C-alpha atoms as a PDB file:
ATOM      1  CA  MET A   1       0.029   0.470   0.136  1.00  0.00           C
ATOM      2  CA  ALA A   2       1.391   3.381  -0.755  1.00  0.00           C
ATOM      3  CA  ILE A   3       1.782   5.500   2.247  1.00  0.00           C
ATOM      4  CA  ILE A   4       3.244   8.055  -0.272  1.00  0.00           C
ATOM      5  CA  GLU A   5       2.108   9.721  -3.733  1.00  0.00           C
ATOM      6  CA  VAL A   6       3.663  12.608  -4.967  1.00  0.00           C
ATOM      7  CA  GLU A   7       2.829  13.444  -8.236  1.00  0.00           C
ATOM      8  CA  GLY A   8       4.346  16.178 -10.404  1.00  0.00           C
ATOM      9  CA  LEU A   9       5.574  17.985  -7.407  1.00  0.00           C
ATOM     10  CA  ARG A  10       6.862  21.589  -8.295  1.00  0.00           C
ATOM     11  CA  LYS A  11       8.042  24.314  -6.048  1.00  0.00           C
ATOM     12  CA  VAL A  12       9.193  27.569  -7.033  1.00  0.00           C
ATOM     13  CA  TYR A  13      10.972  30.436  -4.732  1.00  0.00           C
ATOM     14  CA  GLY A  14      11.582  33.498  -6.461  1.00  0.00           C
ATOM     15  CA  GLY A  15      13.098  32.662  -9.455  1.00  0.00           C
ATOM     16  CA  THR A  16      14.122  29.567  -8.530  1.00  0.00           C
ATOM     17  CA  VAL A  17      12.952  26.120  -9.385  1.00  0.00           C
ATOM     18  CA  ALA A  18      13.572  24.377  -6.092  1.00  0.00           C
ATOM     19  CA  VAL A  19      11.486  20.724  -7.405  1.00  0.00           C
ATOM     20  CA  ASP A  20      11.029  20.342 -10.680  1.00  0.00           C
ATOM     21  CA  GLY A  21       7.668  18.192 -11.943  1.00  0.00           C
ATOM     22  CA  VAL A  22       8.950  15.159  -9.625  1.00  0.00           C
ATOM     23  CA  SER A  23       6.924  12.204  -9.253  1.00  0.00           C
ATOM     24  CA  PHE A  24       6.654   8.750  -6.860  1.00  0.00           C
ATOM     25  CA  THR A  25       5.223   6.690  -4.644  1.00  0.00           C
ATOM     26  CA  VAL A  26       6.432   5.035  -0.802  1.00  0.00           C
ATOM     27  CA  ASN A  27       5.314   1.805   0.238  1.00  0.00           C
ATOM     28  CA  GLN A  28       4.089   1.235   3.581  1.00  0.00           C
ATOM     29  CA  GLY A  29       7.289  -0.241   5.834  1.00  0.00           C
ATOM     30  CA  GLU A  30       9.726   0.303   3.475  1.00  0.00           C
ATOM     31  CA  ILE A  31      12.701   2.543   4.180  1.00  0.00           C
ATOM     32  CA  PHE A  32      12.524   5.096   0.917  1.00  0.00           C
ATOM     33  CA  GLY A  33      15.213   6.946   0.203  1.00  0.00           C
ATOM     34  CA  LEU A  34      16.041  10.399  -1.951  1.00  0.00           C
ATOM     35  CA  VAL A  35      19.478  10.756  -2.371  1.00  0.00           C
ATOM     36  CA  GLY A  36      20.995  13.978  -3.646  1.00  0.00           C
ATOM     37  CA  PRO A  37      23.727  17.138  -3.098  1.00  0.00           C
ATOM     38  CA  ASN A  38      23.318  19.599  -1.555  1.00  0.00           C
ATOM     39  CA  GLY A  39      20.683  22.522  -2.957  1.00  0.00           C
ATOM     40  CA  ALA A  40      19.228  19.409  -5.141  1.00  0.00           C
ATOM     41  CA  GLY A  41      15.600  19.821  -3.747  1.00  0.00           C
ATOM     42  CA  LYS A  42      15.335  16.804  -1.204  1.00  0.00           C
ATOM     43  CA  THR A  43      14.359  19.321   2.125  1.00  0.00           C
ATOM     44  CA  SER A  44      12.024  21.011   0.023  1.00  0.00           C
ATOM     45  CA  ILE A  45      10.155  17.858  -1.451  1.00  0.00           C
ATOM     46  CA  VAL A  46      10.088  16.832   2.444  1.00  0.00           C
ATOM     47  CA  GLU A  47       8.674  20.147   4.098  1.00  0.00           C
ATOM     48  CA  THR A  48       5.793  19.650   1.074  1.00  0.00           C
ATOM     49  CA  LEU A  49       5.337  15.912   2.247  1.00  0.00           C
ATOM     50  CA  ALA A  50       4.979  17.285   5.675  1.00  0.00           C
ATOM     51  CA  GLY A  51       2.670  19.900   5.318  1.00  0.00           C
ATOM     52  CA  LEU A  52       5.038  22.970   6.038  1.00  0.00           C
ATOM     53  CA  ARG A  53       5.266  23.945   2.210  1.00  0.00           C
ATOM     54  CA  ARG A  54       2.382  24.347  -0.234  1.00  0.00           C
ATOM     55  CA  PRO A  55       3.351  22.623  -3.633  1.00  0.00           C
ATOM     56  CA  ASP A  56       3.122  25.025  -6.609  1.00  0.00           C
ATOM     57  CA  ALA A  57       2.395  22.827  -9.029  1.00  0.00           C
ATOM     58  CA  GLY A  58       1.429  19.042  -9.104  1.00  0.00           C
ATOM     59  CA  THR A  59      -0.575  16.524  -5.578  1.00  0.00           C
ATOM     60  CA  VAL A  60       0.352  15.414  -2.914  1.00  0.00           C
ATOM     61  CA  ARG A  61      -0.731  12.717  -0.768  1.00  0.00           C
ATOM     62  CA  VAL A  62       0.625  11.440   2.322  1.00  0.00           C
ATOM     63  CA  LEU A  63      -1.521   8.524   4.694  1.00  0.00           C
ATOM     64  CA  GLY A  64      -4.110   9.559   2.579  1.00  0.00           C
ATOM     65  CA  HIS A  65      -4.127  13.167   3.455  1.00  0.00           C
ATOM     66  CA  ASP A  66      -3.517  16.058   1.645  1.00  0.00           C
ATOM     67  CA  PRO A  67      -0.497  17.770   4.231  1.00  0.00           C
ATOM     68  CA  GLY A  68      -1.624  21.651   3.170  1.00  0.00           C
ATOM     69  CA  GLN A  69      -4.972  21.553   3.663  1.00  0.00           C
ATOM     70  CA  GLU A  70      -4.825  18.388   6.428  1.00  0.00           C
ATOM     71  CA  ARG A  71      -1.923  19.119   8.172  1.00  0.00           C
ATOM     72  CA  ARG A  72      -2.795  19.049  11.771  1.00  0.00           C
ATOM     73  CA  GLU A  73      -4.610  15.352  11.473  1.00  0.00           C
ATOM     74  CA  LEU A  74      -1.231  14.198   9.574  1.00  0.00           C
ATOM     75  CA  ALA A  75       0.874  15.808  12.239  1.00  0.00           C
ATOM     76  CA  GLN A  76      -0.351  13.082  14.477  1.00  0.00           C
ATOM     77  CA  ARG A  77       0.462  10.258  12.556  1.00  0.00           C
ATOM     78  CA  ILE A  78       3.795  11.670  11.344  1.00  0.00           C
ATOM     79  CA  GLY A  79       7.387  12.295  12.629  1.00  0.00           C
ATOM     80  CA  ILE A  80      10.017  15.198  11.604  1.00  0.00           C
ATOM     81  CA  GLN A  81      13.350  15.315  11.656  1.00  0.00           C
ATOM     82  CA  LEU A  82      14.184  18.575   9.761  1.00  0.00           C
ATOM     83  CA  GLN A  83      18.356  19.099   8.601  1.00  0.00           C
ATOM     84  CA  SER A  84      18.058  22.555  10.785  1.00  0.00           C
ATOM     85  CA  ALA A  85      16.133  23.280  13.808  1.00  0.00           C
ATOM     86  CA  GLU A  86      16.817  24.473  17.159  1.00  0.00           C
ATOM     87  CA  LEU A  87      15.341  24.028  20.819  1.00  0.00           C
ATOM     88  CA  PRO A  88      15.329  26.831  23.872  1.00  0.00           C
ATOM     89  CA  ASP A  89      19.223  27.070  25.070  1.00  0.00           C
ATOM     90  CA  ARG A  90      18.146  26.460  28.500  1.00  0.00           C
ATOM     91  CA  LEU A  91      15.526  24.007  27.620  1.00  0.00           C
ATOM     92  CA  ARG A  92      16.646  20.585  29.318  1.00  0.00           C
ATOM     93  CA  VAL A  93      16.897  17.409  27.058  1.00  0.00           C
ATOM     94  CA  TRP A  94      13.941  15.747  29.588  1.00  0.00           C
ATOM     95  CA  GLU A  95      11.882  18.715  29.264  1.00  0.00           C
ATOM     96  CA  ALA A  96      11.763  18.784  25.270  1.00  0.00           C
ATOM     97  CA  VAL A  97      10.903  15.153  25.365  1.00  0.00           C
ATOM     98  CA  ASP A  98       8.261  15.839  27.900  1.00  0.00           C
ATOM     99  CA  LEU A  99       7.104  18.938  26.205  1.00  0.00           C
ATOM    100  CA  TYR A 100       7.026  17.232  22.555  1.00  0.00           C
ATOM    101  CA  ALA A 101       4.933  14.318  24.412  1.00  0.00           C
ATOM    102  CA  SER A 102       2.477  16.631  25.667  1.00  0.00           C
ATOM    103  CA  PHE A 103       1.383  17.024  21.571  1.00  0.00           C
ATOM    104  CA  TYR A 104       0.519  13.957  20.415  1.00  0.00           C
ATOM    105  CA  ARG A 105      -2.945  11.687  21.378  1.00  0.00           C
ATOM    106  CA  ASN A 106      -0.815   8.244  21.975  1.00  0.00           C
ATOM    107  CA  PRO A 107       3.155   9.357  22.750  1.00  0.00           C
ATOM    108  CA  ALA A 108       5.926   6.782  23.383  1.00  0.00           C
ATOM    109  CA  ASP A 109       7.602   6.683  26.406  1.00  0.00           C
ATOM    110  CA  TRP A 110       9.796   9.444  26.326  1.00  0.00           C
ATOM    111  CA  ARG A 111      12.334   7.908  28.989  1.00  0.00           C
ATOM    112  CA  ASP A 112      12.053   4.657  26.416  1.00  0.00           C
ATOM    113  CA  LEU A 113      13.087   7.283  23.852  1.00  0.00           C
ATOM    114  CA  LEU A 114      16.460   8.869  25.692  1.00  0.00           C
ATOM    115  CA  ALA A 115      17.527   5.412  26.127  1.00  0.00           C
ATOM    116  CA  GLU A 116      17.130   4.160  22.857  1.00  0.00           C
ATOM    117  CA  TRP A 117      18.921   7.417  21.760  1.00  0.00           C
ATOM    118  CA  GLY A 118      21.950   7.246  23.907  1.00  0.00           C
ATOM    119  CA  LEU A 119      20.719  10.472  25.545  1.00  0.00           C
ATOM    120  CA  GLU A 120      19.693   9.313  29.351  1.00  0.00           C
ATOM    121  CA  ASP A 121      22.954  10.416  31.320  1.00  0.00           C
ATOM    122  CA  LYS A 122      22.350  13.986  29.405  1.00  0.00           C
ATOM    123  CA  ARG A 123      18.402  13.807  30.409  1.00  0.00           C
ATOM    124  CA  ASN A 124      19.655  17.345  32.872  1.00  0.00           C
ATOM    125  CA  THR A 125      21.177  19.010  29.843  1.00  0.00           C
ATOM    126  CA  ALA A 126      20.773  22.175  28.759  1.00  0.00           C
ATOM    127  CA  PHE A 127      19.922  22.366  25.209  1.00  0.00           C
ATOM    128  CA  ALA A 128      22.533  24.818  24.193  1.00  0.00           C
ATOM    129  CA  ASP A 129      25.290  22.826  26.663  1.00  0.00           C
ATOM    130  CA  LEU A 130      25.147  19.426  24.118  1.00  0.00           C
ATOM    131  CA  SER A 131      27.433  18.829  21.756  1.00  0.00           C
ATOM    132  CA  GLY A 132      26.108  18.912  17.872  1.00  0.00           C
ATOM    133  CA  GLY A 133      26.213  15.474  17.567  1.00  0.00           C
ATOM    134  CA  LEU A 134      23.837  15.222  20.433  1.00  0.00           C
ATOM    135  CA  LYS A 135      21.679  17.744  19.814  1.00  0.00           C
ATOM    136  CA  GLN A 136      20.822  15.925  16.413  1.00  0.00           C
ATOM    137  CA  ARG A 137      20.349  12.408  18.104  1.00  0.00           C
ATOM    138  CA  LEU A 138      17.976  14.501  20.544  1.00  0.00           C
ATOM    139  CA  MET A 139      15.967  15.934  17.171  1.00  0.00           C
ATOM    140  CA  VAL A 140      15.557  12.409  15.829  1.00  0.00           C
ATOM    141  CA  ALA A 141      14.251  11.069  19.581  1.00  0.00           C
ATOM    142  CA  LEU A 142      11.596  13.842  19.255  1.00  0.00           C
ATOM    143  CA  ALA A 143      10.552  12.564  15.715  1.00  0.00           C
ATOM    144  CA  PHE A 144       9.387   9.886  17.134  1.00  0.00           C
ATOM    145  CA  VAL A 145       7.461  10.541  20.353  1.00  0.00           C
ATOM    146  CA  GLY A 146       4.343  11.088  19.146  1.00  0.00           C
ATOM    147  CA  SER A 147       4.846   7.088  17.605  1.00  0.00           C
ATOM    148  CA  PRO A 148       4.138   7.752  14.007  1.00  0.00           C
ATOM    149  CA  GLU A 149       3.438   5.745  11.361  1.00  0.00           C
ATOM    150  CA  LEU A 150       5.926   7.487   9.157  1.00  0.00           C
ATOM    151  CA  VAL A 151       8.799   9.403  10.006  1.00  0.00           C
ATOM    152  CA  PHE A 152      10.922  11.903   7.442  1.00  0.00           C
ATOM    153  CA  LEU A 153      14.500  11.988   8.562  1.00  0.00           C
ATOM    154  CA  ASP A 154      16.592  14.673   6.845  1.00  0.00           C
ATOM    155  CA  GLU A 155      19.871  14.502   6.984  1.00  0.00           C
ATOM    156  CA  LEU A 156      20.019  11.677   9.753  1.00  0.00           C
ATOM    157  CA  THR A 157      23.609  11.134  10.129  1.00  0.00           C
ATOM    158  CA  THR A 158      25.162  14.847   9.665  1.00  0.00           C
ATOM    159  CA  GLY A 159      27.161  15.376  13.033  1.00  0.00           C
ATOM    160  CA  LEU A 160      28.126  12.254  13.886  1.00  0.00           C
ATOM    161  CA  ASP A 161      31.243  10.317  14.039  1.00  0.00           C
ATOM    162  CA  PRO A 162      31.569   6.715  12.307  1.00  0.00           C
ATOM    163  CA  ARG A 163      30.136   4.540  15.268  1.00  0.00           C
ATOM    164  CA  ALA A 164      27.438   6.855  16.601  1.00  0.00           C
ATOM    165  CA  ARG A 165      26.559   6.893  12.471  1.00  0.00           C
ATOM    166  CA  ARG A 166      26.471   2.359  12.505  1.00  0.00           C
ATOM    167  CA  ALA A 167      24.715   2.673  16.145  1.00  0.00           C
ATOM    168  CA  THR A 168      22.085   4.832  14.298  1.00  0.00           C
ATOM    169  CA  TRP A 169      21.382   2.670  11.192  1.00  0.00           C
ATOM    170  CA  GLU A 170      20.891  -0.296  13.352  1.00  0.00           C
ATOM    171  CA  ILE A 171      18.478   2.008  15.426  1.00  0.00           C
ATOM    172  CA  VAL A 172      16.911   2.827  12.192  1.00  0.00           C
ATOM    173  CA  ARG A 173      17.127  -0.904  10.881  1.00  0.00           C
ATOM    174  CA  ASP A 174      15.192  -1.434  13.721  1.00  0.00           C
ATOM    175  CA  ILE A 175      12.573   0.938  13.414  1.00  0.00           C
ATOM    176  CA  ARG A 176      11.312  -0.334   9.308  1.00  0.00           C
ATOM    177  CA  ALA A 177      11.301  -3.997  11.397  1.00  0.00           C
ATOM    178  CA  LYS A 178       8.385  -2.611  13.393  1.00  0.00           C
ATOM    179  CA  GLY A 179       6.630  -2.366  10.909  1.00  0.00           C
ATOM    180  CA  MET A 180       7.345   1.988  10.839  1.00  0.00           C
ATOM    181  CA  THR A 181       7.731   3.756   7.550  1.00  0.00           C
ATOM    182  CA  VAL A 182      10.787   6.009   6.727  1.00  0.00           C
ATOM    183  CA  LEU A 183      11.862   8.619   4.132  1.00  0.00           C
ATOM    184  CA  LEU A 184      15.777   9.741   4.828  1.00  0.00           C
ATOM    185  CA  VAL A 185      17.376  12.191   2.677  1.00  0.00           C
ATOM    186  CA  THR A 186      20.865  12.145   2.779  1.00  0.00           C
ATOM    187  CA  HIS A 187      23.202  13.089   0.581  1.00  0.00           C
ATOM    188  CA  PHE A 188      25.863   9.648   1.918  1.00  0.00           C
ATOM    189  CA  MET A 189      25.826   7.257  -0.566  1.00  0.00           C
ATOM    190  CA  ASP A 190      26.702   4.714   1.450  1.00  0.00           C
ATOM    191  CA  GLU A 191      23.921   5.184   4.342  1.00  0.00           C
ATOM    192  CA  ALA A 192      21.762   4.810   1.252  1.00  0.00           C
ATOM    193  CA  GLU A 193      23.136   1.238   0.124  1.00  0.00           C
ATOM    194  CA  GLN A 194      23.385   0.782   3.564  1.00  0.00           C
ATOM    195  CA  LEU A 195      19.886   1.384   4.259  1.00  0.00           C
ATOM    196  CA  CYS A 196      16.967   2.116   1.834  1.00  0.00           C
ATOM    197  CA  ASP A 197      14.685  -0.633   0.264  1.00  0.00           C
ATOM    198  CA  ARG A 198      14.920   1.519  -2.924  1.00  0.00           C
ATOM    199  CA  VAL A 199      16.477   4.825  -3.762  1.00  0.00           C
ATOM    200  CA  ALA A 200      15.431   8.153  -6.034  1.00  0.00           C
ATOM    201  CA  VAL A 201      18.165  10.219  -7.141  1.00  0.00           C
ATOM    202  CA  VAL A 202      17.214  13.861  -7.056  1.00  0.00           C
ATOM    203  CA  ASP A 203      19.668  16.636  -9.033  1.00  0.00           C
ATOM    204  CA  ARG A 204      18.702  19.994  -9.260  1.00  0.00           C
ATOM    205  CA  GLY A 205      15.234  20.027  -8.631  1.00  0.00           C
ATOM    206  CA  ARG A 206      14.556  16.839 -10.970  1.00  0.00           C
ATOM    207  CA  LEU A 207      14.166  12.837 -10.384  1.00  0.00           C
ATOM    208  CA  VAL A 208      17.253  11.896 -12.452  1.00  0.00           C
ATOM    209  CA  ALA A 209      16.070   7.967 -11.291  1.00  0.00           C
ATOM    210  CA  LEU A 210      14.208   5.663  -8.763  1.00  0.00           C
ATOM    211  CA  ASP A 211      14.909   1.728  -8.392  1.00  0.00           C
ATOM    212  CA  ARG A 212      16.558  -0.442  -5.609  1.00  0.00           C
ATOM    213  CA  PRO A 213      20.373   0.254  -4.895  1.00  0.00           C
ATOM    214  CA  THR A 214      21.183  -2.946  -5.755  1.00  0.00           C
ATOM    215  CA  ALA A 215      19.594  -2.104  -9.680  1.00  0.00           C
ATOM    216  CA  LEU A 216      21.418   0.724  -9.401  1.00  0.00           C
ATOM    217  CA  VAL A 217      24.878   0.330  -8.769  1.00  0.00           C
ATOM    218  CA  ASP A 218      24.637  -2.700 -11.562  1.00  0.00           C
ATOM    219  CA  ARG A 219      23.175   0.119 -13.875  1.00  0.00           C
ATOM    220  CA  ALA A 220      26.489   2.483 -13.179  1.00  0.00           C
ATOM    221  CA  THR A 221      28.854  -1.015 -13.382  1.00  0.00           C
ATOM    222  CA  ILE A 222      27.700  -1.685 -17.211  1.00  0.00           C
ATOM    223  CA  GLY A 223      31.193  -1.223 -19.097  1.00  0.00           C
ATOM    224  CA  MET A 224      33.298  -1.049 -16.102  1.00  0.00           C
ATOM    225  CA  ALA A 225      36.409  -3.163 -16.149  1.00  0.00           C
ATOM    226  CA  GLU A 226      36.457  -3.626 -11.901  1.00  0.00           C
ATOM    227  CA  GLY A 227      32.568  -4.281 -11.216  1.00  0.00           C
ATOM    228  CA  GLN A 228      32.519  -2.503  -8.238  1.00  0.00           C
ATOM    229  CA  ALA A 229      30.214   0.864  -8.757  1.00  0.00           C
ATOM    230  CA  THR A 230      28.811   2.000  -5.868  1.00  0.00           C
ATOM    231  CA  LEU A 231      25.889   4.754  -5.562  1.00  0.00           C
ATOM    232  CA  GLU A 232      28.233   7.508  -5.793  1.00  0.00           C
ATOM    233  CA  ASP A 233      29.523   6.218  -8.968  1.00  0.00           C
ATOM    234  CA  VAL A 234      25.985   5.973 -10.121  1.00  0.00           C
ATOM    235  CA  PHE A 235      25.128   9.507  -9.473  1.00  0.00           C
ATOM    236  CA  LEU A 236      27.839  10.668 -10.966  1.00  0.00           C
ATOM    237  CA  ALA A 237      27.127   8.629 -13.861  1.00  0.00           C
ATOM    238  CA  LEU A 238      23.701  10.183 -14.037  1.00  0.00           C
ATOM    239  CA  THR A 239      24.619  13.583 -13.532  1.00  0.00           C
ATOM    240  CA  GLY A 240      28.589  14.213 -14.471  1.00  0.00           C
ATOM    241  CA  ARG A 241      28.971  15.751 -10.998  1.00  0.00           C
ATOM    242  CA  GLU A 242      29.474  14.643  -7.490  1.00  0.00           C
ATOM    243  CA  ALA A 243      27.267  13.772  -5.175  1.00  0.00           C
ATOM    244  CA  VAL A 244      28.451  14.744  -1.749  1.00  0.00           C
ATOM    245  CA  THR A 245      29.275  18.597  -1.696  1.00  0.00           C
END
């Protein structure tokens, strides 16, 4: 069953076309990746799906809702971790998750979330005193407070060290195992290969490929003597540009 349906999505800021006629679906229970460099239009797509922006053209349905018209109801069923987000400096970690829990009809136990995301020993720490990586973990934990059916993770592991990245990947796999649907936005090719069932490659606002990671890699392997293509090679072959910027 399609959880997300996007048809001909277009988003323009002034004279800049950020999203240009993008279409795709996301199925229930999958980890779906949006891959591309900074400025490709990935965050604009996610913000439109979450009802934070209205499309200039095209249609969008998320969990059966029009995000622009039914944002309040949709907000009870999704979680979102945005690339750039802040909290009040003096708000303590436990206060943040407790506050967010109050917004939902059926919140998760925020104490379990703190333990799951390695924040339990930081529960009394003010937001301003957290490292960049811990701030990122807190923002991800907040995305799960409402026990969402669908969660948007935008640049999930930015600011995390390699060990923390691998641990975070395991948590995301566990989330999918529980039946949750994940839309993962990243410009890290290895992350998409490790986590995603399908990947949409976006460049300059346009969808340039959509397939399973292995199928995309196989596509780029054609003609390569070593036969060791990665999604990084796929992006370069499709667009002529490096994926990570």
